[in-house]
C-alpha cells in the first residue's frame, strides 16, 4: 500500500526541513533549482546547513509534517485493515464481522501552510543547491551536499 501526500512549498519553491541532529529548521529547494542541479547526482546523505551533521534523505521531516502524513494515512489504513479483516472472516461459521460505514474514521487534517520566511543562501562549492536558513543564523553555515563550512 502506498499513498502520496503533498506538502506545501513557500513561494520560492522551498520545503521546510528539520535536522535530526540539532532539531533546528531550515528549508531546501524542492526539485532542481537550475540546469546544473538537474544533472548533478542525488546525494545519498545531506548535511544540515546549521550544524553540519549528516543524515540520509528520509530523516529530515519536521514534526508537523510527520503528524500531518500520519493523520492523512490513518483513514486509508483503517479502511484497508477493515477490508482485509472482512475478507479473512468471510464464510466463517463462528464469527460475524460487519464493516463500519466509515463514519467512525477521523476527519482529514487541516492543510499545512508554508510561510515565506528565512533567507536564501548558497554554498560556494555547490551553489546549485541553495537553502533557506533562519534570519538569525550566523557563524559558519554548511553545504547541504558535502557539509563544507562557509561564511555568510
C-alpha atoms as a PDB file:
ATOM      1  CA  UNK A   1       0.000   0.000   0.000  1.00  0.00           C
ATOM      2  CA  UNK A   2       1.286   3.440  -0.809  1.00  0.00           C
ATOM      3  CA  UNK A   3      -0.119   6.912  -0.916  1.00  0.00           C
ATOM      4  CA  UNK A   4       1.128  10.293  -1.921  1.00  0.00           C
ATOM      5  CA  UNK A   5       0.876  13.272   0.420  1.00  0.00           C
ATOM      6  CA  UNK A   6       1.591  16.778  -0.815  1.00  0.00           C
ATOM      7  CA  UNK A   7       3.486  19.133   1.438  1.00  0.00           C
ATOM      8  CA  UNK A   8       3.364  22.885   0.886  1.00  0.00           C
ATOM      9  CA  UNK A   9       6.260  24.856  -0.520  1.00  0.00           C
ATOM     10  CA  UNK A  10       6.915  28.526   0.060  1.00  0.00           C
ATOM     11  CA  UNK A  11       6.620  30.963  -2.859  1.00  0.00           C
ATOM     12  CA  UNK A  12      10.276  30.377  -3.778  1.00  0.00           C
ATOM     13  CA  UNK A  13       9.775  26.585  -4.062  1.00  0.00           C
ATOM     14  CA  UNK A  14      11.447  25.643  -0.759  1.00  0.00           C
ATOM     15  CA  UNK A  15      10.333  22.837   1.562  1.00  0.00           C
ATOM     16  CA  UNK A  16      10.734  23.151   5.344  1.00  0.00           C
ATOM     17  CA  UNK A  17      13.056  20.553   6.872  1.00  0.00           C
ATOM     18  CA  UNK A  18      14.209  19.707  10.399  1.00  0.00           C
ATOM     19  CA  UNK A  19      17.681  18.474  11.232  1.00  0.00           C
ATOM     20  CA  UNK A  20      17.532  15.107  13.032  1.00  0.00           C
ATOM     21  CA  UNK A  21      20.662  16.120  14.976  1.00  0.00           C
ATOM     22  CA  UNK A  22      20.237  19.735  16.141  1.00  0.00           C
ATOM     23  CA  UNK A  23      16.436  19.763  15.541  1.00  0.00           C
ATOM     24  CA  UNK A  24      16.553  23.256  14.022  1.00  0.00           C
ATOM     25  CA  UNK A  25      14.512  24.057  10.949  1.00  0.00           C
ATOM     26  CA  UNK A  26      15.702  25.310   7.575  1.00  0.00           C
ATOM     27  CA  UNK A  27      14.447  24.833   4.017  1.00  0.00           C
ATOM     28  CA  UNK A  28      15.865  23.202   0.932  1.00  0.00           C
ATOM     29  CA  UNK A  29      14.735  23.710  -2.629  1.00  0.00           C
ATOM     30  CA  UNK A  30      12.187  21.195  -3.857  1.00  0.00           C
ATOM     31  CA  UNK A  31      13.380  19.956  -7.220  1.00  0.00           C
ATOM     32  CA  UNK A  32      16.281  21.216  -9.284  1.00  0.00           C
ATOM     33  CA  UNK A  33      16.920  24.914  -8.722  1.00  0.00           C
ATOM     34  CA  UNK A  34      18.708  25.279 -12.068  1.00  0.00           C
ATOM     35  CA  UNK A  35      20.228  23.374 -15.005  1.00  0.00           C
ATOM     36  CA  UNK A  36      23.343  22.355 -13.060  1.00  0.00           C
ATOM     37  CA  UNK A  37      21.169  20.838 -10.319  1.00  0.00           C
ATOM     38  CA  UNK A  38      19.274  18.785 -12.907  1.00  0.00           C
ATOM     39  CA  UNK A  39      22.452  16.984 -13.990  1.00  0.00           C
ATOM     40  CA  UNK A  40      24.039  16.582 -10.544  1.00  0.00           C
ATOM     41  CA  UNK A  41      23.990  13.233  -8.771  1.00  0.00           C
ATOM     42  CA  UNK A  42      21.422  12.965  -5.994  1.00  0.00           C
ATOM     43  CA  UNK A  43      23.312  12.786  -2.689  1.00  0.00           C
ATOM     44  CA  UNK A  44      22.916   9.678  -0.524  1.00  0.00           C
ATOM     45  CA  UNK A  45      23.471  11.895   2.520  1.00  0.00           C
ATOM     46  CA  UNK A  46      22.589  15.519   3.172  1.00  0.00           C
ATOM     47  CA  UNK A  47      24.240  17.835   5.675  1.00  0.00           C
ATOM     48  CA  UNK A  48      22.476  20.263   7.968  1.00  0.00           C
ATOM     49  CA  UNK A  49      23.343  23.799   6.879  1.00  0.00           C
ATOM     50  CA  UNK A  50      23.156  24.888  10.529  1.00  0.00           C
ATOM     51  CA  UNK A  51      25.137  22.230  12.452  1.00  0.00           C
ATOM     52  CA  UNK A  52      26.893  20.388   9.584  1.00  0.00           C
ATOM     53  CA  UNK A  53      25.837  16.911  10.726  1.00  0.00           C
ATOM     54  CA  UNK A  54      24.886  14.336   8.033  1.00  0.00           C
ATOM     55  CA  UNK A  55      21.736  12.220   7.726  1.00  0.00           C
ATOM     56  CA  UNK A  56      20.025  10.174   4.982  1.00  0.00           C
ATOM     57  CA  UNK A  57      17.473  11.961   2.762  1.00  0.00           C
ATOM     58  CA  UNK A  58      14.446  10.486   4.567  1.00  0.00           C
ATOM     59  CA  UNK A  59      15.470  11.772   8.022  1.00  0.00           C
ATOM     60  CA  UNK A  60      14.665  15.466   7.567  1.00  0.00           C
ATOM     61  CA  UNK A  61      10.875  15.635   8.155  1.00  0.00           C
ATOM     62  CA  UNK A  62       9.568  18.207  10.608  1.00  0.00           C
ATOM     63  CA  UNK A  63       7.365  17.036  13.473  1.00  0.00           C
ATOM     64  CA  UNK A  64       4.399  18.857  11.909  1.00  0.00           C
ATOM     65  CA  UNK A  65       4.997  17.102   8.555  1.00  0.00           C
ATOM     66  CA  UNK A  66       5.196  13.659  10.197  1.00  0.00           C
ATOM     67  CA  UNK A  67       1.999  14.314  12.176  1.00  0.00           C
ATOM     68  CA  UNK A  68       0.238  15.513   9.021  1.00  0.00           C
ATOM     69  CA  UNK A  69       1.324  12.469   6.992  1.00  0.00           C
ATOM     70  CA  UNK A  70       0.167  10.132   9.766  1.00  0.00           C
ATOM     71  CA  UNK A  71      -3.202  11.884  10.016  1.00  0.00           C
ATOM     72  CA  UNK A  72      -3.622  11.675   6.228  1.00  0.00           C
ATOM     73  CA  UNK A  73      -2.750   7.963   6.161  1.00  0.00           C
ATOM     74  CA  UNK A  74      -4.811   6.810   9.164  1.00  0.00           C
ATOM     75  CA  UNK A  75      -8.250   6.657   7.431  1.00  0.00           C
ATOM     76  CA  UNK A  76      -6.795   4.765   4.457  1.00  0.00           C
ATOM     77  CA  UNK A  77      -5.015   2.295   6.743  1.00  0.00           C
ATOM     78  CA  UNK A  78      -8.155   1.763   8.819  1.00  0.00           C
ATOM     79  CA  UNK A  79     -10.210   1.064   5.662  1.00  0.00           C
ATOM     80  CA  UNK A  80      -7.561  -1.366   4.421  1.00  0.00           C
ATOM     81  CA  UNK A  81      -7.491  -3.229   7.764  1.00  0.00           C
ATOM     82  CA  UNK A  82     -11.284  -3.422   7.761  1.00  0.00           C
ATOM     83  CA  UNK A  83     -11.328  -4.841   4.226  1.00  0.00           C
ATOM     84  CA  UNK A  84      -8.624  -7.433   4.989  1.00  0.00           C
ATOM     85  CA  UNK A  85     -10.342  -8.451   8.212  1.00  0.00           C
ATOM     86  CA  UNK A  86     -13.677  -8.779   6.432  1.00  0.00           C
ATOM     87  CA  UNK A  87     -12.119 -10.923   3.709  1.00  0.00           C
ATOM     88  CA  UNK A  88     -10.389 -13.141   6.267  1.00  0.00           C
ATOM     89  CA  UNK A  89     -13.568 -13.733   8.262  1.00  0.00           C
ATOM     90  CA  UNK A  90     -15.952 -14.086   5.333  1.00  0.00           C
ATOM     91  CA  UNK A  91     -17.540 -17.530   5.383  1.00  0.00           C
ATOM     92  CA  UNK A  92     -16.609 -18.240   8.996  1.00  0.00           C
ATOM     93  CA  UNK A  93     -19.324 -20.132  10.877  1.00  0.00           C
ATOM     94  CA  UNK A  94     -18.292 -18.871  14.282  1.00  0.00           C
ATOM     95  CA  UNK A  95     -17.509 -15.202  13.734  1.00  0.00           C
ATOM     96  CA  UNK A  96     -19.623 -12.485  12.215  1.00  0.00           C
ATOM     97  CA  UNK A  97     -17.907  -9.340  11.024  1.00  0.00           C
ATOM     98  CA  UNK A  98     -19.662  -6.203   9.886  1.00  0.00           C
ATOM     99  CA  UNK A  99     -17.502  -3.452   8.432  1.00  0.00           C
ATOM    100  CA  UNK A 100     -18.174   0.078   9.583  1.00  0.00           C
ATOM    101  CA  UNK A 101     -19.741   2.669   7.305  1.00  0.00           C
ATOM    102  CA  UNK A 102     -16.780   4.995   7.590  1.00  0.00           C
ATOM    103  CA  UNK A 103     -18.486   7.420   9.963  1.00  0.00           C
ATOM    104  CA  UNK A 104     -16.040   6.459  12.707  1.00  0.00           C
ATOM    105  CA  UNK A 105     -12.973   7.380  10.634  1.00  0.00           C
ATOM    106  CA  UNK A 106     -11.092  10.504  11.697  1.00  0.00           C
ATOM    107  CA  UNK A 107     -11.568  13.676   9.693  1.00  0.00           C
ATOM    108  CA  UNK A 108      -8.693  14.608   7.410  1.00  0.00           C
ATOM    109  CA  UNK A 109      -6.271  17.087   8.977  1.00  0.00           C
ATOM    110  CA  UNK A 110      -6.219  20.767   8.162  1.00  0.00           C
ATOM    111  CA  UNK A 111      -3.829  21.548   5.340  1.00  0.00           C
ATOM    112  CA  UNK A 112      -0.333  22.634   6.274  1.00  0.00           C
ATOM    113  CA  UNK A 113       0.805  26.071   5.178  1.00  0.00           C
ATOM    114  CA  UNK A 114       4.308  27.284   4.471  1.00  0.00           C
ATOM    115  CA  UNK A 115       5.223  30.874   5.310  1.00  0.00           C
ATOM    116  CA  UNK A 116       7.698  32.836   3.208  1.00  0.00           C
ATOM    117  CA  UNK A 117      10.265  33.142   5.959  1.00  0.00           C
ATOM    118  CA  UNK A 118      14.035  32.696   6.124  1.00  0.00           C
ATOM    119  CA  UNK A 119      16.767  33.918   3.800  1.00  0.00           C
ATOM    120  CA  UNK A 120      18.278  32.145   0.799  1.00  0.00           C
ATOM    121  CA  UNK A 121      21.969  31.208   0.934  1.00  0.00           C
ATOM    122  CA  UNK A 122      24.091  29.168  -1.430  1.00  0.00           C
ATOM    123  CA  UNK A 123      27.337  27.429  -0.597  1.00  0.00           C
ATOM    124  CA  UNK A 124      30.338  28.327  -2.768  1.00  0.00           C
ATOM    125  CA  UNK A 125      31.066  24.654  -3.523  1.00  0.00           C
ATOM    126  CA  UNK A 126      27.532  23.545  -4.542  1.00  0.00           C
ATOM    127  CA  UNK A 127      25.737  26.791  -5.307  1.00  0.00           C
ATOM    128  CA  UNK A 128      23.141  24.917  -7.353  1.00  0.00           C
ATOM    129  CA  UNK A 129      21.634  23.618  -4.060  1.00  0.00           C
ATOM    130  CA  UNK A 130      20.530  26.762  -2.238  1.00  0.00           C
ATOM    131  CA  UNK A 131      18.903  26.538   1.174  1.00  0.00           C
ATOM    132  CA  UNK A 132      16.939  28.922   3.334  1.00  0.00           C
ATOM    133  CA  UNK A 133      18.157  29.467   6.862  1.00  0.00           C
ATOM    134  CA  UNK A 134      16.584  31.419   9.725  1.00  0.00           C
ATOM    135  CA  UNK A 135      17.287  35.143   9.548  1.00  0.00           C
ATOM    136  CA  UNK A 136      19.220  34.975  12.831  1.00  0.00           C
ATOM    137  CA  UNK A 137      21.521  32.133  11.681  1.00  0.00           C
ATOM    138  CA  UNK A 138      25.109  33.287  11.950  1.00  0.00           C
ATOM    139  CA  UNK A 139      28.513  31.726  12.128  1.00  0.00           C
ATOM    140  CA  UNK A 140      29.614  29.302   9.508  1.00  0.00           C
ATOM    141  CA  UNK A 141      26.912  27.520   7.565  1.00  0.00           C
ATOM    142  CA  UNK A 142      27.403  24.165   5.887  1.00  0.00           C
ATOM    143  CA  UNK A 143      26.827  22.945   2.347  1.00  0.00           C
ATOM    144  CA  UNK A 144      23.736  20.744   2.049  1.00  0.00           C
ATOM    145  CA  UNK A 145      25.572  18.448  -0.404  1.00  0.00           C
ATOM    146  CA  UNK A 146      29.061  17.998   1.062  1.00  0.00           C
ATOM    147  CA  UNK A 147      28.956  19.573   4.532  1.00  0.00           C
ATOM    148  CA  UNK A 148      31.780  22.065   3.871  1.00  0.00           C
ATOM    149  CA  UNK A 149      31.621  25.105   6.132  1.00  0.00           C
ATOM    150  CA  UNK A 150      31.346  28.556   4.594  1.00  0.00           C
ATOM    151  CA  UNK A 151      30.962  32.098   5.894  1.00  0.00           C
ATOM    152  CA  UNK A 152      27.800  34.096   5.310  1.00  0.00           C
END
